Amino acid sequence: MAETFPTVLPAADWTRNEYLLSLAETLGPDNIRWVGGAVRDTLSGIVVKDVDAATPLLPDTVIGKCREAGIRTVPTGIEHGTVTAIFPGLPVEITTLRRDVATDGRRATVAFASDWREDAARRDFTINALYAHPHTLAISDYFGGLEDLAAERVRFIGDARQRIAEDHLRILRYFRFRARYGGWETADEETEAAIAEMAPTLKGLSRERIAMELLAILALPDPFATVCKMRELGVLSIILPEAGKREFGVLERLVKTERANDVAPSDIRRLAALLPPIPSVAESVAARLRLSKAQRARLSTAAARRPDDAARARGLAFEEGVEEATDRLLLEGASLAPLVDWDVPLFPLKGGEIIARGVAPGPGVARLMQTLKEEWIAAGFPEKGDVIAMLDRHLAKDD
């Protein structure tokens, strides 16, 4: 028998938060509702990280009331009615109730509304259209979200094709939410047919929006079944055509290896698993998805992995960094044992010490330093005295 959820939100640390309660008093308890993820995740027993609010008050009114109460606000999405109230460690997005006026799949033109149900009707999934009163914690559920959450079902509000046509990114959000709250044991044939038909519309979205959702999916505890479903419905070939059959096997193995080594999931590492181990391909994908400089570097390093990485695990960590070495070892299905409780040492010799032994300053010092460093790594990172002995042998050869 499916679990049933109460129509009153269970009290949680965040519902008792003094800053949130002060915000409710500032706007008026009947003028604000907690909405979306905080409500959904509290019901599901998931730790709440962000709190969003909805209000029938216009943005200028929200800003004015907060100013009078000494609450700092930032107009983070003022054109769409969103104002962020800034509290220590807890920014709260407050959005005026809205209704869609026009949509083109990439952006929406909205008008402010005063009806809670009208606001709920423009949201994507029923489980995201749950509102909770800040004082009574009574839940307003206009489209069966509580029943869907209890049944572990992710369902679009209204017709799936229409909702996807309004915002094409909802295709990727569906995969993320289905993986997190529903799983893939049962098929939703109508929704999946709509996604397969409308997958090409993803081409019209910005690369940043696609990257955001793709990485969120890959960061899930086990995204393998979800990525397989994305491939089956023709979505992955649109957003990541580089992912081939071989790469799916790498991703499946990687998830298992991460668990075996008790390593936290990494979205970039898993993205690397879906790409052939060719740095130029990784760099092209990183540029297309508008990844950050750090993400690009990590993805490219992971793509440079080699079958012999396991045999030189510590040398790899010294040369590329522990995080990067961890990525490459896991992608090759190798053990992380050589890196456990091991701190990367500093090379014990400086260029000045080579010059002090009679080597003329210049490129020769750098070349000799690099040769010594390679020998030091191959020898297992011995103490400085051994490195000095290596240096003496090289200098004796040159005499």
Protein backbone atom coordinates (compact mmCIF):
# COMPACT_ATOMS: atom_id res chain seq x y z
CA MET A 1 0.00 0.00 0.00
CA ALA A 2 1.40 3.41 -0.96
CA GLU A 3 2.48 5.75 1.79
CA THR A 4 0.20 8.69 2.47
CA PHE A 5 1.47 12.12 3.41
CA PRO A 6 -0.18 14.49 5.88
CA THR A 7 -1.85 17.68 4.73
CA VAL A 8 0.18 19.53 7.35
CA LEU A 9 3.95 19.84 6.92
CA PRO A 10 5.89 18.14 9.73
CA ALA A 11 7.83 20.64 11.82
CA ALA A 12 11.52 20.77 10.90
CA ASP A 13 14.51 22.86 11.91
CA TRP A 14 13.98 25.21 9.00
CA THR A 15 10.27 25.75 9.74
CA ARG A 16 11.30 27.00 13.21
CA ASN A 17 14.11 29.18 11.87
CA GLU A 18 13.93 32.62 13.51
CA TYR A 19 14.81 34.44 10.30
CA LEU A 20 12.09 32.69 8.29
CA LEU A 21 9.55 33.36 11.03
CA SER A 22 10.54 37.02 11.09
CA LEU A 23 10.13 37.17 7.30
CA ALA A 24 6.64 35.70 7.62
CA GLU A 25 5.74 38.31 10.22
CA THR A 26 7.17 41.07 8.05
CA LEU A 27 5.11 40.16 4.98
CA GLY A 28 2.13 38.89 6.95
CA PRO A 29 1.55 35.15 7.50
CA ASP A 30 -1.29 35.07 5.00
CA ASN A 31 0.86 36.79 2.37
CA ILE A 32 3.58 34.17 2.17
CA ARG A 33 3.83 30.43 1.61
CA TRP A 34 6.89 28.16 1.58
CA VAL A 35 6.83 26.43 -1.78
CA GLY A 36 8.55 23.79 -3.89
CA GLY A 37 11.67 21.97 -2.82
CA ALA A 38 11.63 22.73 0.91
CA VAL A 39 8.09 21.41 1.24
CA ARG A 40 8.66 18.43 -1.03
CA ASP A 41 11.93 17.38 0.58
CA THR A 42 10.67 17.75 4.15
CA LEU A 43 7.83 15.37 3.32
CA SER A 44 10.34 12.96 1.74
CA GLY A 45 12.73 13.07 4.68
CA ILE A 46 15.45 14.81 2.66
CA VAL A 47 17.62 17.50 4.23
CA VAL A 48 16.45 20.94 3.12
CA LYS A 49 19.19 23.21 1.78
CA ASP A 50 17.19 26.04 0.19
CA VAL A 51 13.91 27.68 1.04
CA ASP A 52 11.76 29.45 -1.53
CA ALA A 53 8.64 31.48 -0.87
CA ALA A 54 5.68 32.71 -2.89
CA THR A 55 3.57 35.79 -2.19
CA PRO A 56 0.71 37.73 -3.75
CA LEU A 57 2.55 40.95 -2.84
CA LEU A 58 4.27 42.82 -5.66
CA PRO A 59 8.09 42.96 -5.62
CA ASP A 60 8.21 46.65 -4.68
CA THR A 61 5.94 45.96 -1.72
CA VAL A 62 8.12 43.04 -0.61
CA ILE A 63 11.23 45.21 -0.84
CA GLY A 64 9.55 48.04 1.08
CA LYS A 65 8.26 45.85 3.90
CA CYS A 66 11.63 44.14 4.26
CA ARG A 67 13.43 47.48 4.32
CA GLU A 68 11.18 48.72 7.13
CA ALA A 69 11.96 45.54 9.09
CA GLY A 70 15.71 45.85 8.49
CA ILE A 71 15.86 42.85 6.17
CA ARG A 72 18.26 43.30 3.26
CA THR A 73 16.97 42.27 -0.16
CA VAL A 74 18.52 41.82 -3.58
CA PRO A 75 16.42 42.01 -6.78
CA THR A 76 17.84 38.76 -8.18
CA GLY A 77 15.05 38.22 -10.71
CA ILE A 78 12.97 41.32 -10.48
CA GLU A 79 11.70 41.05 -14.08
CA HIS A 80 10.10 37.75 -13.10
CA GLY A 81 9.00 38.94 -9.68
CA THR A 82 11.82 37.42 -7.59
CA VAL A 83 13.44 39.21 -4.67
CA THR A 84 16.00 37.49 -2.44
CA ALA A 85 15.93 38.19 1.29
CA ILE A 86 19.42 37.90 2.74
CA PHE A 87 19.80 36.18 6.10
CA PRO A 88 23.00 34.70 7.61
CA GLY A 89 23.66 31.50 5.70
CA LEU A 90 20.09 31.42 4.39
CA PRO A 91 19.08 33.49 1.37
CA VAL A 92 15.36 33.14 0.63
CA GLU A 93 13.93 33.72 -2.84
CA ILE A 94 10.53 35.39 -2.63
CA THR A 95 8.57 35.34 -5.87
CA THR A 96 5.31 37.11 -6.59
CA LEU A 97 2.51 34.81 -7.77
CA ARG A 98 2.59 34.60 -11.57
CA ARG A 99 0.79 33.40 -14.64
CA ASP A 100 2.29 32.84 -18.08
CA VAL A 101 1.35 35.31 -20.77
CA ALA A 102 3.56 33.92 -23.54
CA THR A 103 6.20 31.20 -23.79
CA ASP A 104 8.53 30.07 -26.56
CA GLY A 105 10.25 27.11 -24.91
CA ARG A 106 13.26 29.15 -23.86
CA ARG A 107 11.82 31.99 -21.80
CA ALA A 108 8.42 33.06 -20.54
CA THR A 109 6.65 36.37 -20.38
CA VAL A 110 4.74 36.47 -17.13
CA ALA A 111 2.13 38.61 -15.46
CA PHE A 112 1.71 38.90 -11.74
CA ALA A 113 -1.28 37.15 -10.22
CA SER A 114 -3.09 37.02 -6.90
CA ASP A 115 -4.42 33.47 -7.01
CA TRP A 116 -2.36 30.66 -5.48
CA ARG A 117 -3.86 28.00 -7.75
CA GLU A 118 -3.07 30.07 -10.84
CA ASP A 119 0.56 30.26 -9.71
CA ALA A 120 0.64 26.50 -9.07
CA ALA A 121 -0.76 25.80 -12.55
CA ARG A 122 2.32 27.29 -14.26
CA ARG A 123 4.78 25.07 -12.35
CA ASP A 124 6.26 21.96 -13.93
CA PHE A 125 5.48 18.95 -11.72
CA THR A 126 2.75 18.29 -9.20
CA ILE A 127 5.31 17.58 -6.47
CA ASN A 128 6.79 21.06 -7.04
CA ALA A 129 3.41 22.78 -6.59
CA LEU A 130 3.04 22.22 -2.85
CA TYR A 131 2.64 25.31 -0.66
CA ALA A 132 2.89 25.45 3.15
CA HIS A 133 1.56 28.18 5.46
CA PRO A 134 4.44 29.55 7.58
CA HIS A 135 2.52 29.33 10.88
CA THR A 136 0.01 26.48 10.61
CA LEU A 137 2.19 24.52 8.11
CA ALA A 138 -1.04 23.52 6.37
CA ILE A 139 -0.24 22.32 2.83
CA SER A 140 -2.08 23.61 -0.22
CA ASP A 141 -2.04 20.95 -2.94
CA TYR A 142 -3.92 21.88 -6.09
CA PHE A 143 -2.92 19.08 -8.47
CA GLY A 144 -2.41 15.90 -6.46
CA GLY A 145 1.22 16.42 -5.58
CA LEU A 146 0.91 14.75 -2.19
CA GLU A 147 -0.54 11.62 -3.74
CA ASP A 148 2.15 11.59 -6.43
CA LEU A 149 4.92 12.04 -3.88
CA ALA A 150 3.54 9.16 -1.82
CA ALA A 151 3.34 6.97 -4.93
CA GLU A 152 6.89 7.96 -5.99
CA ARG A 153 5.46 9.38 -9.18
CA VAL A 154 6.73 12.39 -11.15
CA ARG A 155 3.91 13.89 -13.17
CA PHE A 156 3.63 17.06 -15.22
CA ILE A 157 0.86 19.42 -14.28
CA GLY A 158 -1.56 19.11 -17.18
CA ASP A 159 -0.45 17.95 -20.61
CA ALA A 160 3.22 16.97 -20.83
CA ARG A 161 3.65 18.27 -24.39
CA GLN A 162 2.22 21.65 -23.49
CA ARG A 163 4.43 21.97 -20.41
CA ILE A 164 7.53 21.00 -22.39
CA ALA A 165 6.59 23.43 -25.15
CA GLU A 166 6.51 26.20 -22.54
CA ASP A 167 10.05 25.42 -21.36
CA HIS A 168 12.14 22.81 -23.14
CA LEU A 169 14.45 22.44 -20.13
CA ARG A 170 11.60 20.60 -18.41
CA ILE A 171 12.67 17.53 -20.38
CA LEU A 172 15.93 17.37 -18.44
CA ARG A 173 14.25 18.34 -15.18
CA TYR A 174 11.91 15.40 -15.66
CA PHE A 175 14.84 12.99 -15.80
CA ARG A 176 16.42 14.51 -12.71
CA PHE A 177 13.24 14.44 -10.67
CA ARG A 178 12.23 10.99 -11.89
CA ALA A 179 15.62 9.62 -10.85
CA ARG A 180 15.44 11.24 -7.43
CA TYR A 181 11.80 10.75 -6.53
CA GLY A 182 10.42 8.00 -8.74
CA GLY A 183 13.00 5.75 -10.35
CA TRP A 184 12.54 3.83 -13.59
CA GLU A 185 10.93 0.60 -12.44
CA THR A 186 7.67 1.57 -14.13
CA ALA A 187 7.17 3.35 -17.44
CA ASP A 188 5.11 6.48 -18.03
CA GLU A 189 4.47 5.82 -21.70
CA GLU A 190 2.54 9.00 -22.43
CA THR A 191 5.18 11.30 -20.92
CA GLU A 192 8.06 9.36 -22.45
CA ALA A 193 6.42 9.57 -25.87
CA ALA A 194 6.13 13.33 -25.48
CA ILE A 195 9.79 13.60 -24.48
CA ALA A 196 10.97 11.45 -27.41
CA GLU A 197 8.95 13.58 -29.80
CA MET A 198 10.15 16.90 -28.38
CA ALA A 199 13.78 16.02 -27.60
CA PRO A 200 15.06 18.01 -30.63
CA THR A 201 13.69 21.20 -29.03
CA LEU A 202 16.59 21.05 -26.58
CA LYS A 203 18.79 22.38 -29.38
CA GLY A 204 17.21 25.79 -28.86
CA LEU A 205 18.30 26.10 -25.24
CA SER A 206 21.41 27.86 -24.00
CA ARG A 207 24.35 25.57 -23.37
CA GLU A 208 24.61 26.85 -19.80
CA ARG A 209 21.08 25.70 -18.94
CA ILE A 210 21.71 22.29 -20.46
CA ALA A 211 25.01 21.93 -18.61
CA MET A 212 23.38 22.86 -15.31
CA GLU A 213 20.76 20.12 -15.59
CA LEU A 214 23.08 17.51 -17.11
CA LEU A 215 25.60 17.92 -14.31
CA ALA A 216 22.83 17.80 -11.71
CA ILE A 217 21.71 14.45 -13.15
CA LEU A 218 25.25 13.09 -13.18
CA ALA A 219 25.72 14.14 -9.55
CA LEU A 220 22.88 11.85 -8.41
CA PRO A 221 23.93 8.82 -6.32
CA ASP A 222 23.49 6.48 -9.31
CA PRO A 223 22.60 8.18 -12.61
CA PHE A 224 23.23 5.14 -14.81
CA ALA A 225 19.61 4.05 -15.33
CA THR A 226 18.59 7.66 -15.92
CA VAL A 227 21.29 8.26 -18.52
CA CYS A 228 20.27 5.01 -20.24
CA LYS A 229 16.67 6.26 -20.39
CA MET A 230 17.90 9.58 -21.80
CA ARG A 231 19.69 7.66 -24.51
CA GLU A 232 16.65 5.46 -25.20
CA LEU A 233 14.38 8.48 -25.68
CA GLY A 234 16.84 10.31 -27.93
CA VAL A 235 17.72 13.04 -25.45
CA LEU A 236 21.39 12.21 -24.86
CA SER A 237 22.19 12.20 -28.58
CA ILE A 238 20.98 15.80 -28.69
CA ILE A 239 22.86 17.18 -25.70
CA LEU A 240 25.91 14.89 -25.63
CA PRO A 241 26.34 13.12 -28.97
CA GLU A 242 29.89 12.09 -28.01
CA ALA A 243 28.54 9.48 -25.57
CA GLY A 244 28.74 6.07 -27.24
CA LYS A 245 28.00 2.49 -26.24
CA ARG A 246 31.50 1.95 -24.83
CA GLU A 247 31.19 5.05 -22.67
CA PHE A 248 28.01 3.72 -21.06
CA GLY A 249 30.00 0.77 -19.80
CA VAL A 250 32.60 3.12 -18.36
CA LEU A 251 29.92 5.07 -16.49
CA GLU A 252 28.35 1.92 -15.08
CA ARG A 253 31.73 0.68 -13.87
CA LEU A 254 32.66 4.08 -12.48
CA VAL A 255 29.58 4.27 -10.26
CA LYS A 256 30.41 0.84 -8.83
CA THR A 257 34.08 1.73 -8.34
CA GLU A 258 33.17 4.97 -6.55
CA ARG A 259 31.02 3.01 -4.13
CA ALA A 260 33.67 0.34 -3.59
CA ASN A 261 36.19 3.03 -2.70
CA ASP A 262 33.68 5.08 -0.66
CA VAL A 263 34.23 8.12 -2.87
CA ALA A 264 31.58 10.81 -3.24
CA PRO A 265 30.01 11.21 -6.69
CA SER A 266 31.50 13.82 -9.01
CA ASP A 267 29.53 15.28 -11.90
CA ILE A 268 32.68 16.15 -13.90
CA ARG A 269 34.21 12.71 -13.35
CA ARG A 270 31.00 11.10 -14.56
CA LEU A 271 30.83 13.42 -17.54
CA ALA A 272 34.36 12.26 -18.38
CA ALA A 273 33.09 8.67 -18.25
CA LEU A 274 30.56 9.48 -20.98
CA LEU A 275 33.25 10.84 -23.28
CA PRO A 276 35.98 8.99 -25.17
CA PRO A 277 39.38 9.36 -23.43
CA ILE A 278 40.58 12.01 -25.87
CA PRO A 279 41.53 15.42 -24.41
CA SER A 280 40.55 17.34 -27.55
CA VAL A 281 37.04 15.89 -27.37
CA ALA A 282 36.77 16.80 -23.70
CA GLU A 283 37.93 20.35 -24.43
CA SER A 284 35.36 20.68 -27.21
CA VAL A 285 32.53 19.47 -24.96
CA ALA A 286 33.66 21.73 -22.12
CA ALA A 287 33.64 24.74 -24.44
CA ARG A 288 30.23 23.85 -25.85
CA LEU A 289 28.71 23.46 -22.37
CA ARG A 290 30.36 26.67 -21.18
CA LEU A 291 32.00 24.92 -18.24
CA SER A 292 34.14 26.91 -15.84
CA LYS A 293 37.90 27.06 -16.27
CA ALA A 294 38.40 24.65 -13.35
CA GLN A 295 35.81 22.23 -14.72
CA ARG A 296 37.39 22.31 -18.17
CA ALA A 297 40.84 21.57 -16.77
CA ARG A 298 39.57 18.66 -14.69
CA LEU A 299 37.60 17.18 -17.59
CA SER A 300 40.59 17.40 -19.93
CA THR A 301 42.90 15.80 -17.38
CA ALA A 302 40.43 12.95 -16.88
CA ALA A 303 40.26 12.46 -20.64
CA ALA A 304 44.06 12.00 -20.73
CA ARG A 305 43.81 8.82 -18.62
CA ARG A 306 45.92 5.80 -19.61
CA PRO A 307 45.78 2.10 -18.77
CA ASP A 308 49.09 2.39 -16.88
CA ASP A 309 47.78 5.07 -14.50
CA ALA A 310 47.23 2.48 -11.75
CA ALA A 311 50.89 1.49 -11.86
CA ARG A 312 51.98 5.09 -11.30
CA ALA A 313 49.19 6.29 -9.00
CA ARG A 314 51.38 8.36 -6.68
CA GLY A 315 53.41 9.83 -9.50
CA LEU A 316 50.15 10.80 -11.18
CA ALA A 317 48.93 12.47 -7.98
CA PHE A 318 52.21 14.39 -7.74
CA GLU A 319 52.04 15.56 -11.35
CA GLU A 320 48.31 16.26 -11.72
CA GLY A 321 46.92 16.55 -8.19
CA VAL A 322 45.17 14.08 -5.91
CA GLU A 323 41.67 14.91 -7.15
CA GLU A 324 42.69 14.48 -10.77
CA ALA A 325 44.57 11.25 -10.03
CA THR A 326 41.52 9.96 -8.18
CA ASP A 327 39.37 10.68 -11.23
CA ARG A 328 41.69 8.81 -13.57
CA LEU A 329 42.11 5.79 -11.32
CA LEU A 330 38.37 5.45 -10.78
CA LEU A 331 37.66 5.85 -14.49
CA GLU A 332 40.05 2.99 -15.15
CA GLY A 333 38.38 0.88 -12.46
CA ALA A 334 41.55 0.89 -10.37
CA SER A 335 42.00 0.89 -6.59
CA LEU A 336 42.71 4.09 -4.70
CA ALA A 337 44.75 2.22 -2.07
CA PRO A 338 48.09 3.85 -3.07
CA LEU A 339 46.65 7.29 -2.30
CA VAL A 340 44.98 6.47 1.02
CA ASP A 341 46.61 8.32 3.94
CA TRP A 342 49.38 9.53 1.63
CA ASP A 343 50.34 13.18 1.42
CA VAL A 344 51.89 14.45 -1.78
CA PRO A 345 55.52 15.34 -0.94
CA LEU A 346 57.42 18.36 -2.13
CA PHE A 347 60.40 17.79 -4.40
CA PRO A 348 63.31 18.22 -1.96
CA LEU A 349 65.75 19.99 -4.32
CA LYS A 350 65.77 23.58 -5.51
CA GLY A 351 67.33 25.07 -8.61
CA GLY A 352 69.73 27.14 -6.54
CA GLU A 353 71.24 23.99 -5.09
CA ILE A 354 72.01 22.71 -8.58
CA ILE A 355 73.61 26.02 -9.53
CA ALA A 356 75.65 25.92 -6.32
CA ARG A 357 77.20 22.70 -7.55
CA GLY A 358 78.58 24.39 -10.63
CA VAL A 359 75.78 24.13 -13.20
CA ALA A 360 75.45 27.38 -15.15
CA PRO A 361 72.12 29.19 -14.71
CA GLY A 362 69.78 28.74 -17.65
CA PRO A 363 67.68 26.08 -19.41
CA GLY A 364 70.12 23.37 -18.41
CA VAL A 365 69.13 23.73 -14.77
CA ALA A 366 65.44 23.26 -15.60
CA ARG A 367 66.16 20.21 -17.76
CA LEU A 368 68.29 18.61 -15.06
CA MET A 369 65.66 19.43 -12.44
CA GLN A 370 62.99 17.70 -14.53
CA THR A 371 65.19 14.63 -15.06
CA LEU A 372 65.86 14.38 -11.34
CA LYS A 373 62.19 14.81 -10.55
CA GLU A 374 61.26 11.94 -12.88
CA GLU A 375 63.89 9.70 -11.29
CA TRP A 376 62.70 10.71 -7.80
CA ILE A 377 59.10 9.75 -8.66
CA ALA A 378 60.19 6.45 -10.23
CA ALA A 379 62.23 5.67 -7.11
CA GLY A 380 59.21 6.17 -4.85
CA PHE A 381 59.89 9.71 -3.55
CA PRO A 382 63.08 9.07 -1.50
CA GLU A 383 64.62 11.54 0.95
CA LYS A 384 66.76 14.51 -0.07
CA GLY A 385 70.03 12.67 0.43
CA ASP A 386 69.07 10.18 -2.26
CA VAL A 387 68.17 13.02 -4.63
CA ILE A 388 71.56 14.65 -4.00
CA ALA A 389 73.18 11.32 -4.87
CA MET A 390 71.18 11.25 -8.12
CA LEU A 391 72.40 14.79 -8.87
CA ASP A 392 76.01 13.82 -8.18
CA ARG A 393 75.76 10.90 -10.59
CA HIS A 394 74.49 13.19 -13.34
CA LEU A 395 77.19 15.78 -12.70
CA ALA A 396 79.86 13.06 -12.73
CA LYS A 397 78.66 11.95 -16.17
CA ASP A 398 79.05 15.47 -17.48
CA ASP A 399 82.62 15.88 -16.21
